[in-house]
Amino acid sequence: MKFFDFCSGIGAGRRGLELAGMECVGYSEISRSSVASYKLLHDTTNEKNYGNLTKIDPAVLPDFDLLIAGFPCQTFSVIGKKEGFNDARGQLIFYIIDILKAKNIKYFILENVKGLTTHDGGKTLKVILKALEDAGYSVKHTVLNSMNYGVPQMRQRVYFVGIRKDLAIPNKNYVWDFQQKAKPIQEILVSENNEISETDLKYFIEYLNNKTNQGKISLNEILKKEYVVVDTRQSDLRLYYNRIPTLRSFRDGLYYVRNGKLRTLTGYEAMLIQGFSPEYAQKVKDVKDRDLLRQTGNAMTVGVIESIGKSLISYLSSKKAKPANHPKNTLVGFVKSISQFDYCIEKNVYYTYKKTLATNPEEIKYVALYQTKSAFGFERAGIFYYGKVKKVYYVKRSQIHFNINEKKKDDDCIAFRVTKWETLDTPILPAGNSKVLLLTTEQKLKSASIYTDL
């Protein structure tokens, strides 16, 4: 699966998706220092930075299946001014939606601060979700903590996974899966020659003695707490054990104790905290700590995105037909529940479908069974399938119904009955004065269903 890395930063999201088995085809970032680090971290030989998201012409972008973006979060953050859509950065989500629609992208992964979920009493989130759904996507969102994905960082972010509605699997939920145990901080806080400077130590002592912290704890007491993480980014001192608070951009003031010495968090360590491997962190060893701390503060956590990517692949894998040599005139595709299918066969619910579909298995992307009751109490059984149809056969007493519009409005549906075997490679005249449906082997359906009145 190919993806494009929008608002890429240093490419933590990219690295996560690569670990999930996907391939990057391009990126978009406006920060020169972040682009410099991005190029050190990733092989961009055959890739282009398309720059400012608001100025990108979707027509010039390469083809890709998935869009990933950590769109600017400062306007929704509890740390920021919470200006939301009133800030130009808050409008970037709509440029992303424009690209989704223009390129007809299959899937997306978006990330933002947890504060987005409560901004303006939850109204902002509702606006974004509605805009994404109106663009033609089934959207799932949740708040995840990086602590559960391989690193000891308490970083809560809201993540959105979008699947184009014609590709979503009926009655199947997307599962946020593939959690990883956090590495111990002893494997992350490993830098040498990072003892606090005399100047910073002077400020630190003054901080301990301000009106908020005075008398709470002394420097000597802190130095006795091995691997304690000291956060001075708020007016009140905060100590953390076996975990690290959220990395933030433009917020210095994280220290820790190792071997009885107070040390400053380095850029290399921040890379590890965000889930990059030591080998990747080493690639940016010559980048200034201050720049790298800012860049990692803006980054996604690699392990979280890797997990989301794997979860998406797992979700989509059930759409694939089972590889086999299918006999002609048998059901081809994926059946969610074998026991359900056996039950239907046993009860004669699907007696017609042994001879309903005869198709090239490679042309069918997904097949599922369903069973409903009409308003008159009659049971109906059917098959949903998605993909490009090469050839379909049908039998007596069957009604075939094609919906060729994403929104699935009744006016856009074509239904008809047949009384003999035919193929959909030729025009069919339905009973009564209805439309003539012509499907060719190249026509791509948004959705379709076949069912029989019993």
Protein backbone atom coordinates (compact mmCIF):
# COMPACT_ATOMS: atom_id res chain seq x y z
CA MET A 1 0.00 0.00 0.00
CA LYS A 2 1.35 3.44 -0.97
CA PHE A 3 0.92 6.53 1.21
CA PHE A 4 1.63 10.26 1.14
CA ASP A 5 3.04 12.03 4.21
CA PHE A 6 1.32 15.43 4.68
CA CYS A 7 2.38 17.89 7.41
CA SER A 8 5.19 15.39 7.76
CA GLY A 9 7.45 17.03 10.32
CA ILE A 10 10.41 14.68 10.68
CA GLY A 11 8.44 11.69 9.43
CA ALA A 12 7.59 9.71 12.56
CA GLY A 13 4.26 8.82 10.98
CA ARG A 14 6.08 7.72 7.85
CA ARG A 15 8.39 5.46 9.83
CA GLY A 16 5.43 3.88 11.60
CA LEU A 17 3.67 3.06 8.34
CA GLU A 18 6.88 1.71 6.81
CA LEU A 19 7.21 -0.65 9.78
CA ALA A 20 3.64 -1.73 9.02
CA GLY A 21 4.75 -2.66 5.49
CA MET A 22 3.66 0.41 3.50
CA GLU A 23 5.56 2.56 1.00
CA CYS A 24 5.90 6.36 0.98
CA VAL A 25 5.64 8.19 -2.38
CA GLY A 26 6.03 11.81 -1.27
CA TYR A 27 5.74 14.31 1.57
CA SER A 28 4.69 17.85 2.39
CA GLU A 29 6.40 20.07 4.99
CA ILE A 30 7.18 23.80 5.22
CA SER A 31 9.68 23.88 8.12
CA ARG A 32 13.19 23.99 6.67
CA SER A 33 14.80 22.47 9.75
CA SER A 34 12.25 19.65 9.86
CA VAL A 35 12.80 18.94 6.15
CA ALA A 36 16.54 18.78 6.77
CA SER A 37 16.03 16.19 9.52
CA TYR A 38 13.48 14.34 7.38
CA LYS A 39 16.03 13.89 4.62
CA LEU A 40 18.62 12.61 7.09
CA LEU A 41 16.18 10.08 8.50
CA HIS A 42 14.52 8.80 5.31
CA ASP A 43 15.55 7.88 1.79
CA THR A 44 13.88 10.61 -0.26
CA THR A 45 15.96 10.10 -3.41
CA ASN A 46 12.97 9.68 -5.70
CA GLU A 47 10.56 11.79 -3.68
CA LYS A 48 9.53 15.41 -3.77
CA ASN A 49 8.59 17.75 -0.94
CA TYR A 50 5.37 19.39 -2.15
CA GLY A 51 5.66 22.11 0.49
CA ASN A 52 2.76 24.23 1.68
CA LEU A 53 -0.37 22.12 1.96
CA THR A 54 -2.64 25.06 1.16
CA LYS A 55 -0.93 25.62 -2.20
CA ILE A 56 -0.79 22.04 -3.45
CA ASP A 57 -2.63 21.21 -6.67
CA PRO A 58 -3.95 17.67 -6.09
CA ALA A 59 -3.60 16.95 -9.81
CA VAL A 60 0.21 17.05 -9.58
CA LEU A 61 0.43 14.62 -6.67
CA PRO A 62 1.49 11.02 -7.34
CA ASP A 63 -1.08 8.28 -6.94
CA PHE A 64 -1.38 6.81 -3.47
CA ASP A 65 -3.80 4.75 -1.38
CA LEU A 66 -3.50 6.33 2.05
CA LEU A 67 -3.09 9.88 3.32
CA ILE A 68 -1.44 10.47 6.69
CA ALA A 69 -1.27 13.88 8.35
CA GLY A 70 -0.67 15.28 11.79
CA PHE A 71 -2.44 18.54 11.00
CA PRO A 72 -1.42 21.52 13.17
CA CYS A 73 -2.62 21.13 16.73
CA GLN A 74 -1.65 24.36 18.47
CA THR A 75 -5.04 25.94 17.81
CA PHE A 76 -6.81 23.13 19.70
CA SER A 77 -4.25 22.47 22.44
CA VAL A 78 -4.86 23.15 26.13
CA ILE A 79 -1.33 24.59 26.11
CA GLY A 80 -2.11 26.94 23.22
CA LYS A 81 -4.74 29.66 22.90
CA LYS A 82 -7.45 27.21 21.77
CA GLU A 83 -8.49 29.47 18.88
CA GLY A 84 -9.55 26.50 16.73
CA PHE A 85 -10.93 27.37 13.30
CA ASN A 86 -10.37 31.08 13.96
CA ASP A 87 -6.66 30.44 13.44
CA ALA A 88 -5.56 29.76 9.85
CA ARG A 89 -3.76 26.61 11.02
CA GLY A 90 -7.07 25.22 12.22
CA GLN A 91 -8.39 25.45 8.66
CA LEU A 92 -5.80 23.00 7.28
CA ILE A 93 -8.07 20.04 7.91
CA PHE A 94 -10.34 21.32 5.13
CA TYR A 95 -7.44 21.48 2.65
CA ILE A 96 -6.72 17.86 3.56
CA ILE A 97 -10.36 16.97 2.87
CA ASP A 98 -10.15 18.70 -0.51
CA ILE A 99 -7.20 16.47 -1.43
CA LEU A 100 -9.02 13.37 -0.21
CA LYS A 101 -11.94 14.17 -2.50
CA ALA A 102 -9.90 15.31 -5.49
CA LYS A 103 -7.69 12.20 -5.46
CA ASN A 104 -10.48 9.84 -4.32
CA ILE A 105 -8.11 8.48 -1.69
CA LYS A 106 -9.04 5.11 -0.21
CA TYR A 107 -7.89 5.59 3.40
CA PHE A 108 -6.53 8.19 5.78
CA ILE A 109 -4.90 8.46 9.21
CA LEU A 110 -5.04 11.82 11.00
CA GLU A 111 -3.58 12.88 14.35
CA ASN A 112 -4.18 15.82 16.67
CA VAL A 113 -4.05 16.77 20.33
CA LYS A 114 -6.53 15.33 22.79
CA GLY A 115 -7.87 18.87 23.32
CA LEU A 116 -9.53 18.69 19.92
CA THR A 117 -12.12 16.31 21.37
CA THR A 118 -13.37 18.93 23.86
CA HIS A 119 -12.63 22.16 21.97
CA ASP A 120 -15.66 24.47 21.90
CA GLY A 121 -17.67 21.97 23.90
CA GLY A 122 -17.09 19.21 21.35
CA LYS A 123 -18.53 21.23 18.46
CA THR A 124 -15.20 21.41 16.59
CA LEU A 125 -14.87 17.62 16.59
CA LYS A 126 -18.43 17.25 15.28
CA VAL A 127 -17.70 19.67 12.43
CA ILE A 128 -14.57 17.75 11.43
CA LEU A 129 -16.25 14.34 11.63
CA LYS A 130 -19.21 15.52 9.56
CA ALA A 131 -16.91 17.03 6.92
CA LEU A 132 -14.96 13.77 6.65
CA GLU A 133 -18.12 11.68 6.46
CA ASP A 134 -19.65 14.02 3.87
CA ALA A 135 -16.48 13.55 1.83
CA GLY A 136 -17.42 9.88 1.54
CA TYR A 137 -15.61 8.21 4.44
CA SER A 138 -16.50 5.91 7.28
CA VAL A 139 -14.55 7.43 10.19
CA LYS A 140 -13.39 5.99 13.49
CA HIS A 141 -11.60 8.07 16.13
CA THR A 142 -10.19 7.48 19.57
CA VAL A 143 -7.66 8.84 22.05
CA LEU A 144 -4.52 6.69 22.39
CA ASN A 145 -1.66 6.98 24.87
CA SER A 146 1.88 6.41 23.59
CA MET A 147 2.58 4.57 26.85
CA ASN A 148 0.73 1.60 25.36
CA TYR A 149 2.78 1.53 22.17
CA GLY A 150 6.37 0.80 23.06
CA VAL A 151 7.57 3.96 24.79
CA PRO A 152 7.30 5.30 28.38
CA GLN A 153 5.86 8.65 27.26
CA MET A 154 2.50 9.85 28.58
CA ARG A 155 1.33 11.31 25.30
CA GLN A 156 -2.40 11.30 24.63
CA ARG A 157 -3.49 12.14 21.11
CA VAL A 158 -6.69 11.70 19.14
CA TYR A 159 -6.38 9.59 16.01
CA PHE A 160 -8.77 9.32 13.08
CA VAL A 161 -8.92 6.40 10.67
CA GLY A 162 -10.99 6.90 7.54
CA ILE A 163 -12.05 4.25 5.04
CA ARG A 164 -13.85 5.22 1.86
CA LYS A 165 -17.43 4.11 2.30
CA ASP A 166 -17.45 1.84 -0.74
CA LEU A 167 -14.47 -0.01 0.77
CA ALA A 168 -15.82 -0.31 4.31
CA ILE A 169 -16.84 -3.81 5.40
CA PRO A 170 -20.48 -4.09 6.56
CA ASN A 171 -20.93 -5.30 10.13
CA LYS A 172 -17.18 -5.26 10.80
CA ASN A 173 -15.61 -2.83 13.24
CA TYR A 174 -12.16 -1.35 12.94
CA VAL A 175 -10.16 -2.53 15.99
CA TRP A 176 -7.42 -0.40 17.59
CA ASP A 177 -4.98 -3.25 18.12
CA PHE A 178 -1.29 -4.24 18.25
CA GLN A 179 -0.30 -2.60 21.52
CA GLN A 180 3.32 -2.87 22.67
CA LYS A 181 4.84 -2.94 26.13
CA ALA A 182 6.71 0.28 26.94
CA LYS A 183 10.48 0.10 27.11
CA PRO A 184 11.96 0.91 30.53
CA ILE A 185 13.27 4.46 30.77
CA GLN A 186 16.72 3.05 31.56
CA GLU A 187 16.94 2.06 27.87
CA ILE A 188 15.99 5.56 26.71
CA LEU A 189 17.69 8.02 29.08
CA VAL A 190 21.18 6.99 28.01
CA SER A 191 23.02 10.10 26.78
CA GLU A 192 26.46 11.04 28.05
CA ASN A 193 27.93 14.51 28.56
CA ASN A 194 24.49 15.97 29.21
CA GLU A 195 24.85 17.14 32.82
CA ILE A 196 22.93 20.33 33.48
CA SER A 197 24.99 23.46 32.81
CA GLU A 198 25.95 25.82 35.60
CA THR A 199 23.67 28.51 34.16
CA ASP A 200 20.69 26.15 33.96
CA LEU A 201 21.42 24.75 37.42
CA LYS A 202 21.29 28.28 38.84
CA TYR A 203 17.85 28.81 37.27
CA PHE A 204 16.75 25.36 38.46
CA ILE A 205 17.61 26.16 42.09
CA GLU A 206 15.73 29.47 41.80
CA TYR A 207 12.78 27.50 40.39
CA LEU A 208 12.82 25.14 43.39
CA ASN A 209 12.64 28.16 45.68
CA ASN A 210 9.85 30.09 43.94
CA LYS A 211 6.63 30.75 45.84
CA THR A 212 4.96 27.69 44.33
CA ASN A 213 7.71 25.13 45.03
CA GLN A 214 9.49 26.53 48.07
CA GLY A 215 9.90 23.94 50.84
CA LYS A 216 8.54 21.02 48.81
CA ILE A 217 11.80 19.29 47.92
CA SER A 218 15.50 20.14 47.83
CA LEU A 219 18.06 19.54 45.09
CA ASN A 220 19.87 16.96 47.23
CA GLU A 221 16.66 15.01 47.73
CA ILE A 222 16.02 14.99 43.97
CA LEU A 223 19.55 13.76 43.23
CA LYS A 224 18.93 10.69 45.41
CA LYS A 225 16.00 9.60 43.19
CA GLU A 226 17.60 7.57 40.40
CA TYR A 227 15.92 8.01 37.02
CA VAL A 228 13.32 10.41 38.35
CA VAL A 229 12.13 12.73 35.55
CA VAL A 230 11.83 16.37 36.57
CA ASP A 231 9.39 18.62 34.70
CA THR A 232 9.84 22.37 35.18
CA ARG A 233 7.65 23.44 32.26
CA GLN A 234 4.81 24.48 34.57
CA SER A 235 5.00 26.87 37.52
CA ASP A 236 4.78 23.89 39.88
CA LEU A 237 7.47 21.20 39.99
CA ARG A 238 6.39 17.75 38.78
CA LEU A 239 8.27 14.49 39.30
CA TYR A 240 7.69 11.32 37.27
CA TYR A 241 8.83 7.78 37.96
CA ASN A 242 9.20 5.12 35.22
CA ARG A 243 7.53 7.42 32.73
CA ILE A 244 8.10 10.64 30.84
CA PRO A 245 5.64 13.51 30.37
CA THR A 246 4.51 14.62 26.93
CA LEU A 247 7.23 16.07 24.74
CA ARG A 248 6.22 19.51 23.50
CA SER A 249 7.49 21.98 20.96
CA PHE A 250 9.16 25.15 22.30
CA ARG A 251 8.88 23.92 25.89
CA ASP A 252 12.32 23.34 27.45
CA GLY A 253 12.68 22.19 31.03
CA LEU A 254 12.79 18.39 31.18
CA TYR A 255 15.56 16.92 33.33
CA TYR A 256 16.30 13.57 34.91
CA VAL A 257 18.68 12.02 37.43
CA ARG A 258 21.18 9.31 36.56
CA ASN A 259 24.13 8.26 38.68
CA GLY A 260 23.30 11.00 41.15
CA LYS A 261 23.59 13.78 38.58
CA LEU A 262 20.91 16.06 37.13
CA ARG A 263 20.89 15.81 33.35
CA THR A 264 19.20 17.63 30.49
CA LEU A 265 17.05 15.66 28.06
CA THR A 266 18.84 15.43 24.71
CA GLY A 267 17.51 15.35 21.17
CA TYR A 268 18.76 11.77 20.77
CA GLU A 269 16.76 10.70 23.81
CA ALA A 270 13.70 12.57 22.56
CA MET A 271 13.91 10.56 19.33
CA LEU A 272 13.87 7.34 21.36
CA ILE A 273 10.96 8.66 23.42
CA GLN A 274 8.99 9.11 20.19
CA GLY A 275 9.67 5.52 19.17
CA PHE A 276 12.53 5.88 16.70
CA SER A 277 15.13 3.11 16.93
CA PRO A 278 18.67 3.95 18.11
CA GLU A 279 19.84 3.46 14.51
CA TYR A 280 17.42 6.11 13.26
CA ALA A 281 18.14 8.47 16.16
CA GLN A 282 21.82 8.21 15.31
CA LYS A 283 21.13 9.57 11.82
CA VAL A 284 20.35 13.01 13.28
CA LYS A 285 23.16 13.05 15.85
CA ASP A 286 24.57 16.27 14.35
CA VAL A 287 21.26 18.19 14.56
CA LYS A 288 21.25 20.71 17.40
CA ASP A 289 19.47 19.45 20.52
CA ARG A 290 17.21 22.48 20.64
CA ASP A 291 16.03 21.89 17.05
CA LEU A 292 15.56 18.16 17.57
CA LEU A 293 13.65 18.66 20.83
CA ARG A 294 11.29 21.04 19.03
CA GLN A 295 10.86 18.67 16.09
CA THR A 296 10.17 15.62 18.25
CA GLY A 297 7.73 17.69 20.30
CA ASN A 298 5.71 18.15 17.12
CA ALA A 299 6.09 14.55 15.95
CA MET A 300 3.82 11.53 16.16
CA THR A 301 4.89 8.44 18.07
CA VAL A 302 6.25 5.80 15.69
CA GLY A 303 4.77 2.82 17.55
CA VAL A 304 1.26 4.28 17.61
CA ILE A 305 1.21 4.81 13.84
CA GLU A 306 2.74 1.39 13.23
CA SER A 307 -0.08 -0.11 15.29
CA ILE A 308 -2.77 1.85 13.43
CA GLY A 309 -1.26 0.84 10.09
CA LYS A 310 -1.23 -2.84 11.06
CA SER A 311 -4.78 -2.59 12.39
CA LEU A 312 -5.94 -1.11 9.08
CA ILE A 313 -4.20 -3.84 7.10
CA SER A 314 -5.77 -6.46 9.39
CA TYR A 315 -9.21 -4.90 8.86
CA LEU A 316 -8.81 -4.83 5.08
CA SER A 317 -7.31 -8.31 4.80
CA SER A 318 -10.70 -9.88 5.50
CA LYS A 319 -11.97 -8.34 2.27
CA LYS A 320 -9.72 -10.51 0.15
CA ALA A 321 -11.06 -13.65 -1.48
CA LYS A 322 -9.47 -16.86 -0.26
CA PRO A 323 -6.83 -17.98 -2.76
CA ALA A 324 -8.08 -21.19 -4.35
CA ASN A 325 -9.11 -22.73 -7.62
CA HIS A 326 -12.81 -22.01 -7.45
CA PRO A 327 -15.06 -24.33 -9.46
CA LYS A 328 -17.33 -22.55 -11.89
CA ASN A 329 -20.76 -21.51 -10.60
CA THR A 330 -19.77 -21.44 -6.93
CA LEU A 331 -19.72 -18.59 -4.48
CA VAL A 332 -16.45 -16.68 -4.75
CA GLY A 333 -15.13 -14.38 -2.06
CA PHE A 334 -14.82 -13.96 1.67
CA VAL A 335 -17.51 -15.24 4.01
CA LYS A 336 -17.29 -13.70 7.46
CA SER A 337 -18.78 -16.64 9.33
CA ILE A 338 -18.45 -20.19 8.03
CA SER A 339 -20.92 -21.35 10.65
CA GLN A 340 -23.40 -18.73 9.47
CA PHE A 341 -22.95 -19.86 5.88
CA ASP A 342 -23.38 -23.54 6.84
CA TYR A 343 -26.50 -22.64 8.79
CA CYS A 344 -27.94 -20.80 5.82
CA ILE A 345 -27.22 -23.72 3.52
CA GLU A 346 -28.77 -26.14 6.01
CA LYS A 347 -31.92 -24.02 6.26
CA ASN A 348 -32.09 -23.63 2.47
CA VAL A 349 -31.68 -19.88 2.80
CA TYR A 350 -28.90 -19.79 0.21
CA TYR A 351 -29.94 -22.68 -1.98
CA THR A 352 -29.79 -20.50 -5.09
CA TYR A 353 -26.33 -19.10 -4.54
CA LYS A 354 -24.46 -22.26 -5.29
CA LYS A 355 -25.17 -21.27 -8.89
CA THR A 356 -25.50 -17.52 -8.54
CA LEU A 357 -22.01 -16.21 -9.13
CA ALA A 358 -19.52 -17.31 -11.73
CA THR A 359 -16.66 -14.84 -11.82
CA ASN A 360 -12.95 -14.43 -11.95
CA PRO A 361 -11.95 -14.48 -8.24
CA GLU A 362 -9.42 -11.71 -8.81
CA GLU A 363 -12.18 -9.34 -9.83
CA ILE A 364 -14.15 -9.71 -6.59
CA LYS A 365 -12.75 -7.72 -3.69
CA TYR A 366 -15.21 -8.72 -0.99
CA VAL A 367 -18.26 -10.91 -0.48
CA ALA A 368 -20.41 -11.04 2.66
CA LEU A 369 -23.70 -12.67 3.59
CA TYR A 370 -26.71 -10.98 5.11
CA GLN A 371 -30.19 -11.95 6.24
CA THR A 372 -33.08 -9.55 6.86
CA LYS A 373 -36.85 -9.51 7.34
CA SER A 374 -39.10 -7.31 5.27
CA ALA A 375 -41.97 -5.24 6.61
CA PHE A 376 -44.29 -8.09 5.63
CA GLY A 377 -42.32 -10.60 7.67
CA PHE A 378 -40.70 -12.36 4.69
CA GLU A 379 -37.09 -13.38 5.11
CA ARG A 380 -34.58 -12.28 2.54
CA ALA A 381 -31.06 -13.56 2.14
CA GLY A 382 -28.37 -11.98 0.09
CA ILE A 383 -24.79 -11.41 -0.88
CA PHE A 384 -22.98 -8.10 -0.88
CA TYR A 385 -19.89 -7.79 -3.01
CA TYR A 386 -17.53 -4.97 -3.90
CA GLY A 387 -15.06 -4.53 -6.70
CA LYS A 388 -14.88 -4.65 -10.46
CA VAL A 389 -17.30 -7.14 -11.99
CA LYS A 390 -16.11 -9.25 -14.87
CA LYS A 391 -19.10 -11.54 -15.29
CA VAL A 392 -22.12 -12.38 -13.15
CA TYR A 393 -24.76 -15.07 -13.64
CA TYR A 394 -28.10 -15.25 -11.91
CA VAL A 395 -30.99 -17.67 -11.64
CA LYS A 396 -34.79 -17.82 -11.68
CA ARG A 397 -36.73 -16.08 -8.92
CA SER A 398 -33.74 -13.88 -8.16
CA GLN A 399 -33.75 -10.13 -8.08
CA ILE A 400 -30.51 -8.29 -8.68
CA HIS A 401 -30.07 -4.78 -7.37
CA PHE A 402 -27.17 -2.49 -8.24
CA ASN A 403 -26.43 0.78 -6.53
CA ILE A 404 -24.01 2.88 -8.53
CA ASN A 405 -24.03 5.93 -6.28
CA GLU A 406 -21.92 6.28 -3.13
CA LYS A 407 -24.77 7.88 -1.19
CA LYS A 408 -27.02 4.93 -1.97
CA LYS A 409 -30.14 6.95 -2.74
CA ASP A 410 -33.12 4.95 -3.92
CA ASP A 411 -33.38 7.03 -7.09
CA ASP A 412 -29.91 5.87 -8.10
CA CYS A 413 -30.68 2.18 -7.67
CA ILE A 414 -31.53 -0.17 -10.49
CA ALA A 415 -33.40 -3.38 -9.62
CA PHE A 416 -34.86 -5.97 -11.93
CA ARG A 417 -35.96 -9.60 -12.13
CA VAL A 418 -34.84 -12.22 -14.59
CA THR A 419 -36.35 -15.51 -15.70
CA LYS A 420 -33.38 -17.12 -17.41
CA TRP A 421 -29.60 -17.29 -17.21
CA GLU A 422 -27.82 -14.33 -18.75
CA THR A 423 -24.63 -12.40 -18.23
CA LEU A 424 -24.26 -8.77 -17.28
CA ASP A 425 -21.91 -8.22 -20.19
CA THR A 426 -25.01 -7.50 -22.30
CA PRO A 427 -27.89 -5.04 -21.82
CA ILE A 428 -30.80 -6.36 -19.76
CA LEU A 429 -34.37 -5.09 -19.97
CA PRO A 430 -36.06 -5.33 -16.56
CA ALA A 431 -39.71 -6.30 -16.19
CA GLY A 432 -42.03 -3.35 -16.68
CA ASN A 433 -41.14 0.08 -17.96
CA SER A 434 -37.83 0.45 -16.15
CA LYS A 435 -34.30 1.43 -17.05
CA VAL A 436 -31.97 -0.66 -19.16
CA LEU A 437 -28.77 -1.53 -17.31
CA LEU A 438 -25.58 -1.99 -19.26
CA LEU A 439 -22.54 -3.19 -17.36
CA THR A 440 -19.24 -3.85 -19.06
CA THR A 441 -16.21 -5.65 -17.70
CA GLU A 442 -14.60 -2.27 -17.01
CA GLN A 443 -17.43 -0.68 -15.03
CA LYS A 444 -16.58 -0.24 -11.36
CA LEU A 445 -19.42 -0.56 -8.88
CA LYS A 446 -19.72 1.45 -5.69
CA SER A 447 -21.73 -1.35 -4.12
CA ALA A 448 -24.03 -4.14 -5.14
CA SER A 449 -26.28 -6.76 -3.63
CA ILE A 450 -27.99 -9.88 -4.88
CA TYR A 451 -30.91 -11.37 -2.99
CA THR A 452 -33.74 -13.79 -3.36
CA ASP A 453 -37.32 -13.60 -2.09
CA LEU A 454 -38.02 -16.75 -0.10
